[in-house]
């Protein structure tokens, strides 16, 4: 049984690599925006959104790799009930950071594993993040230093780098903040004796 990561995320790939796993990358072909909208419009809680998306990714890839163990993962940022998503350019990144500055928000990360078209493991974790109050000049300076690399992060910050200087308070696992609850995943994988 091979291990497959159903994601193009560099952070998730690096986490699994650093943990010493051998795996293949098969990005899930799903419409995340449509799934998010459908989930929220149906009245379901945003708290379940990351887990729903993690399962959707794993399920989509597992349908074509039934004998393998497929990992799907996702992350959602929620601030005062609003769900934030990744942005496409630095102008929108500046707007998003301006909206988050001086406020607390929650990062919800989830991971789901599927095997033989069935879910076999899932978990979600949260991290509480409080940003310093930032001026427009401080935000512009930060984005000038980091460039478009922040566009890969749902909050437009990379906590593993210069993004840490934006925060007054952080509570939660580093891995959860990076986008995948790695410790519970490792515990699950440890019991999978038939992994190659």
Protein backbone atom coordinates (compact mmCIF):
# COMPACT_ATOMS: atom_id res chain seq x y z
CA UNK A 1 0.00 0.00 0.00
CA UNK A 2 1.49 3.31 -1.11
CA UNK A 3 0.98 6.63 0.62
CA UNK A 4 -0.48 9.40 -1.55
CA UNK A 5 -0.82 13.08 -0.70
CA UNK A 6 -3.84 14.58 -2.45
CA UNK A 7 -2.40 18.09 -2.41
CA UNK A 8 0.00 20.40 -4.21
CA UNK A 9 0.76 22.27 -0.97
CA UNK A 10 4.49 22.82 -0.52
CA UNK A 11 4.04 23.08 3.26
CA UNK A 12 2.22 19.75 3.53
CA UNK A 13 4.74 18.08 1.24
CA UNK A 14 7.59 19.42 3.36
CA UNK A 15 5.97 18.25 6.61
CA UNK A 16 5.61 14.69 5.33
CA UNK A 17 9.13 14.74 3.86
CA UNK A 18 10.62 16.02 7.11
CA UNK A 19 8.79 13.26 9.01
CA UNK A 20 10.54 10.70 6.80
CA UNK A 21 7.60 9.37 4.78
CA UNK A 22 7.81 8.18 1.19
CA UNK A 23 4.76 9.25 -0.75
CA UNK A 24 3.43 10.24 -4.13
CA UNK A 25 1.67 13.50 -4.92
CA UNK A 26 -1.64 13.29 -6.76
CA UNK A 27 -3.49 16.62 -6.46
CA UNK A 28 -7.24 16.29 -6.06
CA UNK A 29 -9.27 17.60 -8.97
CA UNK A 30 -12.12 19.26 -7.06
CA UNK A 31 -13.76 22.67 -7.17
CA UNK A 32 -12.94 23.90 -3.66
CA UNK A 33 -14.75 27.21 -4.08
CA UNK A 34 -17.98 25.50 -5.13
CA UNK A 35 -17.74 22.97 -2.29
CA UNK A 36 -17.14 25.75 0.26
CA UNK A 37 -20.07 27.77 -1.03
CA UNK A 38 -22.38 24.74 -1.06
CA UNK A 39 -21.34 23.81 2.49
CA UNK A 40 -21.93 27.29 3.90
CA UNK A 41 -25.12 27.98 1.93
CA UNK A 42 -26.63 24.76 3.27
CA UNK A 43 -26.38 26.24 6.78
CA UNK A 44 -23.63 23.92 7.96
CA UNK A 45 -21.02 25.29 10.33
CA UNK A 46 -17.78 26.79 9.09
CA UNK A 47 -16.16 24.75 11.88
CA UNK A 48 -16.66 21.61 9.75
CA UNK A 49 -15.43 23.18 6.52
CA UNK A 50 -11.76 22.13 6.69
CA UNK A 51 -12.70 18.54 7.52
CA UNK A 52 -15.24 18.40 4.70
CA UNK A 53 -12.64 19.66 2.20
CA UNK A 54 -9.96 17.27 3.49
CA UNK A 55 -12.34 14.36 2.99
CA UNK A 56 -13.38 15.59 -0.46
CA UNK A 57 -9.74 15.73 -1.58
CA UNK A 58 -8.90 12.30 -0.21
CA UNK A 59 -12.07 10.74 -1.63
CA UNK A 60 -11.49 12.19 -5.11
CA UNK A 61 -8.00 10.70 -5.35
CA UNK A 62 -8.87 7.45 -3.54
CA UNK A 63 -11.46 6.71 -6.23
CA UNK A 64 -8.55 6.12 -8.65
CA UNK A 65 -6.09 4.64 -6.12
CA UNK A 66 -8.25 2.20 -4.17
CA UNK A 67 -5.38 0.04 -2.91
CA UNK A 68 -3.38 2.98 -1.56
CA UNK A 69 -3.74 5.18 1.51
CA UNK A 70 -4.69 8.70 0.43
CA UNK A 71 -4.18 11.76 2.61
CA UNK A 72 -6.36 14.81 2.09
CA UNK A 73 -5.84 17.99 4.09
CA UNK A 74 -7.21 21.50 4.20
CA UNK A 75 -7.14 24.64 6.29
CA UNK A 76 -9.71 27.37 6.91
CA UNK A 77 -9.28 30.79 8.52
CA UNK A 78 -12.25 32.22 10.43
CA UNK A 79 -12.38 35.71 11.92
CA UNK A 80 -15.57 36.92 13.62
CA UNK A 81 -17.63 34.37 11.68
CA UNK A 82 -16.18 35.27 8.28
CA UNK A 83 -14.38 32.57 6.31
CA UNK A 84 -11.23 33.82 4.61
CA UNK A 85 -9.74 32.20 1.52
CA UNK A 86 -6.46 32.43 -0.35
CA UNK A 87 -6.08 35.55 -2.47
CA UNK A 88 -4.58 35.87 -5.92
CA UNK A 89 -2.45 39.02 -5.74
CA UNK A 90 -0.53 41.26 -3.33
CA UNK A 91 -3.14 44.01 -3.43
CA UNK A 92 -5.75 41.61 -2.07
CA UNK A 93 -3.17 40.28 0.40
CA UNK A 94 -2.75 43.80 1.76
CA UNK A 95 -6.54 44.14 2.12
CA UNK A 96 -6.78 40.82 3.93
CA UNK A 97 -3.94 41.64 6.34
CA UNK A 98 -5.55 45.02 7.00
CA UNK A 99 -8.76 43.22 7.93
CA UNK A 100 -6.96 40.76 10.24
CA UNK A 101 -4.58 43.21 11.93
CA UNK A 102 -5.25 43.88 15.59
CA UNK A 103 -7.73 41.02 15.77
CA UNK A 104 -7.88 37.39 16.83
CA UNK A 105 -8.72 34.67 14.34
CA UNK A 106 -8.83 30.89 14.25
CA UNK A 107 -7.00 28.57 11.88
CA UNK A 108 -8.74 25.22 11.49
CA UNK A 109 -6.67 22.45 9.91
CA UNK A 110 -7.94 18.99 9.08
CA UNK A 111 -6.58 15.76 7.67
CA UNK A 112 -8.50 12.75 6.36
CA UNK A 113 -7.24 9.39 5.11
CA UNK A 114 -9.12 7.15 2.70
CA UNK A 115 -8.43 3.53 1.71
CA UNK A 116 -10.51 1.34 -0.60
CA UNK A 117 -13.01 4.15 -1.11
CA UNK A 118 -13.68 4.43 2.61
CA UNK A 119 -12.64 7.02 5.20
CA UNK A 120 -10.30 5.37 7.72
CA UNK A 121 -9.08 8.37 9.71
CA UNK A 122 -9.95 12.02 10.19
CA UNK A 123 -9.11 14.73 12.66
CA UNK A 124 -9.20 18.52 12.88
CA UNK A 125 -7.32 20.92 15.13
CA UNK A 126 -7.48 24.64 15.76
CA UNK A 127 -4.94 27.35 16.45
CA UNK A 128 -5.80 30.74 17.91
CA UNK A 129 -3.89 33.63 16.35
CA UNK A 130 -3.82 37.28 17.42
CA UNK A 131 -2.15 39.84 15.17
CA UNK A 132 -0.51 43.03 16.32
CA UNK A 133 -2.12 46.27 15.24
CA UNK A 134 -0.41 47.10 11.97
CA UNK A 135 -0.28 50.29 9.96
CA UNK A 136 -0.71 50.28 6.20
CA UNK A 137 3.00 51.08 5.94
CA UNK A 138 3.92 48.05 8.08
CA UNK A 139 1.73 45.79 5.93
CA UNK A 140 3.26 47.17 2.72
CA UNK A 141 6.77 46.69 4.14
CA UNK A 142 5.99 43.12 5.11
CA UNK A 143 4.59 42.28 1.67
CA UNK A 144 7.55 43.96 0.01
CA UNK A 145 9.89 41.74 2.04
CA UNK A 146 8.00 38.51 1.43
CA UNK A 147 6.59 38.99 -2.07
CA UNK A 148 4.15 36.62 -3.73
CA UNK A 149 5.18 33.67 -1.54
CA UNK A 150 2.47 34.74 0.96
CA UNK A 151 -0.23 33.99 -1.62
CA UNK A 152 0.12 30.29 -0.80
CA UNK A 153 -1.11 30.93 2.75
CA UNK A 154 -4.78 31.38 3.57
CA UNK A 155 -3.96 34.27 5.92
CA UNK A 156 -1.32 35.83 3.64
CA UNK A 157 1.38 35.11 6.18
CA UNK A 158 3.95 32.36 6.46
CA UNK A 159 4.40 31.64 10.13
CA UNK A 160 7.56 29.62 9.45
CA UNK A 161 9.25 32.77 8.15
CA UNK A 162 8.82 36.52 8.48
CA UNK A 163 5.08 36.13 9.12
CA UNK A 164 5.75 35.32 12.75
CA UNK A 165 6.58 38.98 13.37
CA UNK A 166 2.95 39.90 12.66
CA UNK A 167 1.67 38.08 15.74
CA UNK A 168 1.19 39.19 19.31
CA UNK A 169 -0.09 35.81 20.48
CA UNK A 170 -0.22 32.27 19.04
CA UNK A 171 -1.84 29.26 20.68
CA UNK A 172 -1.80 25.91 18.91
CA UNK A 173 0.38 23.37 17.20
CA UNK A 174 2.95 24.64 14.72
CA UNK A 175 1.86 21.89 12.31
CA UNK A 176 -1.78 22.96 12.55
CA UNK A 177 -0.74 26.50 11.71
CA UNK A 178 1.28 25.18 8.77
CA UNK A 179 -1.84 23.48 7.43
CA UNK A 180 -2.01 19.86 8.60
CA UNK A 181 -2.45 18.21 12.03
CA UNK A 182 0.73 16.17 11.65
CA UNK A 183 1.07 14.64 15.13
CA UNK A 184 -2.30 12.79 15.09
CA UNK A 185 -1.63 11.77 11.47
CA UNK A 186 1.76 10.29 12.45
CA UNK A 187 0.09 8.37 15.27
CA UNK A 188 -2.40 6.90 12.78
CA UNK A 189 0.28 6.06 10.19
CA UNK A 190 2.40 4.32 12.82
CA UNK A 191 -0.27 1.63 13.02
CA UNK A 192 -0.42 1.05 9.26
CA UNK A 193 1.90 -1.96 9.00
CA UNK A 194 1.25 -2.52 5.28
CA UNK A 195 2.55 0.88 4.17
CA UNK A 196 5.44 0.58 1.71
